[in-house]
Amino acid sequence: MELKLMFHVHTKYSFDSSLDPGRVVQCAIKSGYDIISVTDHGTVAGSLAVKEIIEKRNLPLLAIIGAEYRTDRGDIIGLFLNVEDDCLRSPGRNFKDVINWVKEMDGITVLPHPFREEEADRDVVELVDLIEVYNGRSSPHDNERAAFLAEECSKPILAGSDAHSLVELYGTAVIFHSDANEIQDRKKLKRIILNDRRHIYYCPPGRMHRVLNAMIQSYQLRDVAPMVELGLLGSSLLKKTLSRLTKR
């Protein structure tokens, strides 16, 4: 048996996404996902909206309540947040306070894109439960570094699309080798995500998609570094192509 997880998705409840929760659910069902984790910026509103749609339509999909929180040591994703509405807010931007707050709600923590803005400190890595080793908006180099970090620190891994648009939803999945009958039990599902065997599926974004991602990241970070990195990558690929052509 296998379980297919769609992780790290942003909806219209994030400031930088226009994705409708109903459309996300539709795409998840169409692509054969069993579990979906919407992680909007600083709010569980998107997760709750997805959960409500699934329950009202009695769909064969399970929603994990989660959100992505900005801290003074980088972003942290909280999953299995034990909330029924969006009134509860994180306790500020202190990294350890956010980690403890998630734990108080019996949740688990994920370190997303650990090298996007700056290198994750080892004390930060030690406190989280999982590491996102593939992010659909991160560079291949940063994803490789994240995978090495997880292996070095013996942390279980996840992969997320970090989708902010419809085209980004289909490129990433985490496949767990587990029994689908267990996902309705919160404790068993947490155990699966923390401990069970898994493999990562991802389809690297196309050229135009990479340009769009770099532009959005540069805007969000107020930094030209993502565009510069993309330019350097493009220059390297061009040189390799020209080299092959001249040898013919």
Protein backbone atom coordinates (compact mmCIF):
# COMPACT_ATOMS: atom_id res chain seq x y z
CA MET A 1 0.00 0.00 0.00
CA GLU A 2 1.07 3.58 -0.61
CA LEU A 3 0.00 6.99 0.66
CA LYS A 4 0.56 10.07 -1.46
CA LEU A 5 1.08 13.41 0.32
CA MET A 6 0.76 16.88 -1.22
CA PHE A 7 2.84 19.07 1.10
CA HIS A 8 3.56 22.80 1.43
CA VAL A 9 0.83 24.52 -0.59
CA HIS A 10 -0.26 28.16 -0.36
CA THR A 11 -3.77 29.41 -1.08
CA LYS A 12 -5.42 32.83 -1.32
CA TYR A 13 -5.06 33.14 2.45
CA SER A 14 -1.33 33.77 1.87
CA PHE A 15 -0.40 37.29 0.79
CA ASP A 16 1.47 36.01 -2.28
CA SER A 17 -0.93 33.39 -3.65
CA SER A 18 -4.28 33.47 -5.43
CA LEU A 19 -5.01 29.74 -5.35
CA ASP A 20 -8.56 28.87 -4.37
CA PRO A 21 -8.81 26.10 -1.73
CA GLY A 22 -11.53 24.36 -3.73
CA ARG A 23 -9.31 24.28 -6.80
CA VAL A 24 -6.45 22.83 -4.75
CA VAL A 25 -8.71 20.05 -3.48
CA GLN A 26 -9.89 19.34 -7.03
CA CYS A 27 -6.31 19.04 -8.26
CA ALA A 28 -5.34 16.78 -5.35
CA ILE A 29 -8.21 14.40 -6.07
CA LYS A 30 -7.48 14.41 -9.81
CA SER A 31 -3.81 13.56 -9.20
CA GLY A 32 -4.50 10.73 -6.77
CA TYR A 33 -3.26 12.28 -3.54
CA ASP A 34 -4.45 10.77 -0.25
CA ILE A 35 -3.30 13.55 2.08
CA ILE A 36 -2.99 17.29 1.62
CA SER A 37 -1.14 19.83 3.73
CA VAL A 38 -1.90 23.50 3.02
CA THR A 39 0.56 25.73 4.88
CA ASP A 40 -0.37 29.36 4.35
CA HIS A 41 1.81 32.15 5.69
CA GLY A 42 0.97 32.79 9.34
CA THR A 43 -2.53 31.36 9.21
CA VAL A 44 -4.39 28.04 9.27
CA ALA A 45 -7.34 29.54 7.36
CA GLY A 46 -6.42 27.77 4.12
CA SER A 47 -6.01 24.41 5.85
CA LEU A 48 -9.36 24.78 7.59
CA ALA A 49 -11.06 25.77 4.32
CA VAL A 50 -9.66 22.68 2.60
CA LYS A 51 -10.74 20.46 5.49
CA GLU A 52 -14.28 21.88 5.36
CA ILE A 53 -14.55 21.28 1.60
CA ILE A 54 -13.36 17.68 1.98
CA GLU A 55 -15.78 16.93 4.81
CA LYS A 56 -18.79 18.59 3.15
CA ARG A 57 -18.25 16.67 -0.11
CA ASN A 58 -17.20 13.45 1.65
CA LEU A 59 -14.08 13.24 -0.51
CA PRO A 60 -11.41 10.50 -0.22
CA LEU A 61 -8.77 12.96 0.97
CA LEU A 62 -7.43 13.91 4.38
CA ALA A 63 -6.35 17.43 5.33
CA ILE A 64 -3.53 18.09 7.79
CA ILE A 65 -3.98 21.44 9.51
CA GLY A 66 -0.80 23.46 9.13
CA ALA A 67 0.80 26.85 8.52
CA GLU A 68 4.20 28.37 7.71
CA TYR A 69 5.50 30.86 10.28
CA ARG A 70 8.22 33.45 9.87
CA THR A 71 10.73 33.48 12.75
CA ASP A 72 13.97 35.24 13.58
CA ARG A 73 15.83 32.07 12.46
CA GLY A 74 13.97 31.38 9.23
CA ASP A 75 10.59 29.85 8.36
CA ILE A 76 9.03 26.98 10.30
CA ILE A 77 6.08 24.85 9.24
CA GLY A 78 3.78 23.48 11.91
CA LEU A 79 1.65 20.43 11.07
CA PHE A 80 -1.22 18.75 12.95
CA LEU A 81 -2.05 22.05 14.63
CA ASN A 82 -4.89 21.36 17.05
CA VAL A 83 -7.12 24.32 16.20
CA GLU A 84 -10.73 24.65 15.13
CA ASP A 85 -10.64 28.25 13.87
CA ASP A 86 -8.15 30.91 12.82
CA CYS A 87 -8.29 32.93 16.05
CA LEU A 88 -5.17 31.36 17.52
CA ARG A 89 -1.97 33.10 16.42
CA SER A 90 1.70 32.18 16.83
CA PRO A 91 3.47 33.75 19.83
CA GLY A 92 5.68 36.06 17.78
CA ARG A 93 8.85 35.61 15.75
CA ASN A 94 11.16 33.94 18.27
CA PHE A 95 12.17 30.58 16.77
CA LYS A 96 12.12 28.56 19.99
CA ASP A 97 8.81 30.11 21.09
CA VAL A 98 7.17 29.07 17.81
CA ILE A 99 8.62 25.54 18.09
CA ASN A 100 7.31 25.21 21.65
CA TRP A 101 3.93 26.63 20.64
CA VAL A 102 3.54 24.00 17.92
CA LYS A 103 4.52 21.27 20.39
CA GLU A 104 1.96 22.54 22.91
CA MET A 105 -0.71 21.88 20.28
CA ASP A 106 0.63 18.34 19.83
CA GLY A 107 1.96 19.31 16.40
CA ILE A 108 5.16 18.50 14.55
CA THR A 109 7.65 20.90 12.95
CA VAL A 110 9.25 21.00 9.52
CA LEU A 111 12.21 23.11 8.43
CA PRO A 112 11.34 24.25 4.87
CA HIS A 113 13.90 25.33 2.24
CA PRO A 114 16.73 25.53 4.82
CA PHE A 115 19.16 27.32 2.47
CA ARG A 116 16.89 29.77 0.68
CA GLU A 117 17.78 32.88 2.65
CA GLU A 118 20.71 31.81 4.80
CA GLU A 119 22.24 28.59 6.02
CA ALA A 120 20.24 26.95 8.79
CA ASP A 121 22.05 26.83 12.13
CA ARG A 122 22.63 23.38 13.61
CA ASP A 123 20.79 24.25 16.82
CA VAL A 124 17.77 25.11 14.66
CA VAL A 125 18.02 21.80 12.81
CA GLU A 126 18.22 19.85 16.06
CA LEU A 127 14.90 21.29 17.29
CA VAL A 128 12.76 20.46 14.24
CA ASP A 129 11.18 17.08 13.50
CA LEU A 130 11.65 16.96 9.71
CA ILE A 131 13.50 18.73 6.93
CA GLU A 132 12.11 19.65 3.52
CA VAL A 133 14.82 18.36 1.20
CA TYR A 134 13.10 19.24 -2.05
CA ASN A 135 11.25 22.52 -2.54
CA GLY A 136 9.72 23.35 -5.89
CA ARG A 137 10.88 26.95 -5.67
CA SER A 138 14.42 26.35 -4.46
CA SER A 139 17.44 25.92 -6.69
CA PRO A 140 18.75 22.39 -7.39
CA HIS A 141 21.91 23.30 -5.46
CA ASP A 142 19.96 24.35 -2.36
CA ASN A 143 17.83 21.21 -2.54
CA GLU A 144 20.95 19.05 -2.71
CA ARG A 145 22.37 20.83 0.32
CA ALA A 146 19.09 20.31 2.20
CA ALA A 147 19.17 16.57 1.44
CA PHE A 148 22.75 16.33 2.68
CA LEU A 149 21.81 18.25 5.84
CA ALA A 150 18.94 15.85 6.60
CA GLU A 151 21.17 12.83 6.09
CA GLU A 152 23.95 14.29 8.19
CA CYS A 153 21.58 15.13 11.04
CA SER A 154 19.49 11.93 10.73
CA LYS A 155 16.25 13.81 10.19
CA PRO A 156 13.25 12.37 8.29
CA ILE A 157 12.51 14.15 5.03
CA LEU A 158 9.62 15.74 3.17
CA ALA A 159 9.27 17.38 -0.22
CA GLY A 160 6.99 20.31 -0.98
CA SER A 161 5.88 22.10 -4.09
CA ASP A 162 5.69 25.44 -2.24
CA ALA A 163 2.92 26.04 -4.75
CA HIS A 164 1.52 29.55 -5.12
CA SER A 165 -0.03 28.89 -8.53
CA LEU A 166 -1.96 26.09 -10.20
CA VAL A 167 0.87 24.89 -12.43
CA GLU A 168 3.10 24.27 -9.40
CA LEU A 169 0.73 21.83 -7.69
CA TYR A 170 1.55 18.76 -9.74
CA GLY A 171 5.32 18.61 -9.53
CA THR A 172 5.98 17.13 -6.09
CA ALA A 173 4.77 14.27 -3.89
CA VAL A 174 5.89 12.26 -0.89
CA ILE A 175 5.00 8.57 -1.17
CA PHE A 176 4.75 6.62 2.09
CA HIS A 177 4.80 2.83 2.07
CA SER A 178 1.94 2.57 4.54
CA ASP A 179 -1.62 1.33 4.92
CA ALA A 180 -4.25 3.82 3.70
CA ASN A 181 -6.61 2.65 6.47
CA GLU A 182 -4.40 4.29 9.08
CA ILE A 183 -4.66 7.88 7.88
CA GLN A 184 -7.93 8.60 9.67
CA ASP A 185 -6.14 8.12 12.99
CA ARG A 186 -4.25 11.32 13.86
CA LYS A 187 -1.62 9.59 15.99
CA LYS A 188 -0.95 6.87 13.42
CA LEU A 189 -0.66 9.42 10.61
CA LYS A 190 1.84 11.45 12.63
CA ARG A 191 3.83 8.27 13.23
CA ILE A 192 3.79 7.52 9.49
CA ILE A 193 5.10 10.98 8.59
CA LEU A 194 7.77 10.87 11.27
CA ASN A 195 8.92 7.27 10.96
CA ASP A 196 7.68 5.27 7.98
CA ARG A 197 9.58 4.55 4.77
CA ARG A 198 9.06 7.06 1.98
CA HIS A 199 10.33 8.18 -1.36
CA ILE A 200 10.21 11.54 -3.05
CA TYR A 201 8.71 12.27 -6.44
CA TYR A 202 9.36 15.57 -8.16
CA CYS A 203 9.40 16.93 -11.66
CA PRO A 204 11.93 19.78 -12.02
CA PRO A 205 10.25 23.00 -13.21
CA GLY A 206 10.60 24.10 -16.82
CA ARG A 207 12.61 27.10 -17.95
CA MET A 208 9.76 29.63 -17.88
CA HIS A 209 8.63 28.30 -14.54
CA ARG A 210 12.12 28.80 -13.10
CA VAL A 211 12.18 32.39 -14.37
CA LEU A 212 8.79 33.08 -12.78
CA ASN A 213 9.89 31.53 -9.47
CA ALA A 214 13.10 33.57 -9.44
CA MET A 215 11.17 36.77 -10.08
CA ILE A 216 8.70 36.03 -7.29
CA GLN A 217 11.46 35.10 -4.83
CA SER A 218 13.40 38.27 -5.65
CA TYR A 219 10.26 40.30 -4.97
CA GLN A 220 9.44 38.48 -1.73
CA LEU A 221 13.01 38.66 -0.40
CA ARG A 222 13.66 42.16 -1.78
CA ASP A 223 16.89 40.67 -3.09
CA VAL A 224 18.16 40.12 -6.64
CA ALA A 225 20.11 36.99 -5.62
CA PRO A 226 17.57 34.46 -7.02
CA MET A 227 17.59 36.21 -10.41
CA VAL A 228 21.39 36.39 -10.38
CA GLU A 229 21.62 32.66 -9.56
CA LEU A 230 19.22 31.85 -12.39
CA GLY A 231 21.29 34.00 -14.75
CA LEU A 232 24.48 32.20 -13.78
CA LEU A 233 22.79 28.83 -14.25
CA GLY A 234 21.56 29.90 -17.67
CA SER A 235 25.03 31.11 -18.63
CA SER A 236 26.57 27.79 -17.57
CA LEU A 237 24.03 25.79 -19.58
CA LEU A 238 24.58 28.02 -22.61
CA LYS A 239 28.35 27.48 -22.45
CA LYS A 240 27.87 23.70 -22.25
CA THR A 241 25.50 23.76 -25.22
CA LEU A 242 27.86 25.88 -27.32
CA SER A 243 30.76 23.63 -26.37
CA ARG A 244 28.88 20.54 -27.56
CA LEU A 245 27.89 22.24 -30.81
CA THR A 246 31.43 23.37 -31.63
CA LYS A 247 32.74 19.83 -31.15
CA ARG A 248 30.47 18.40 -33.81
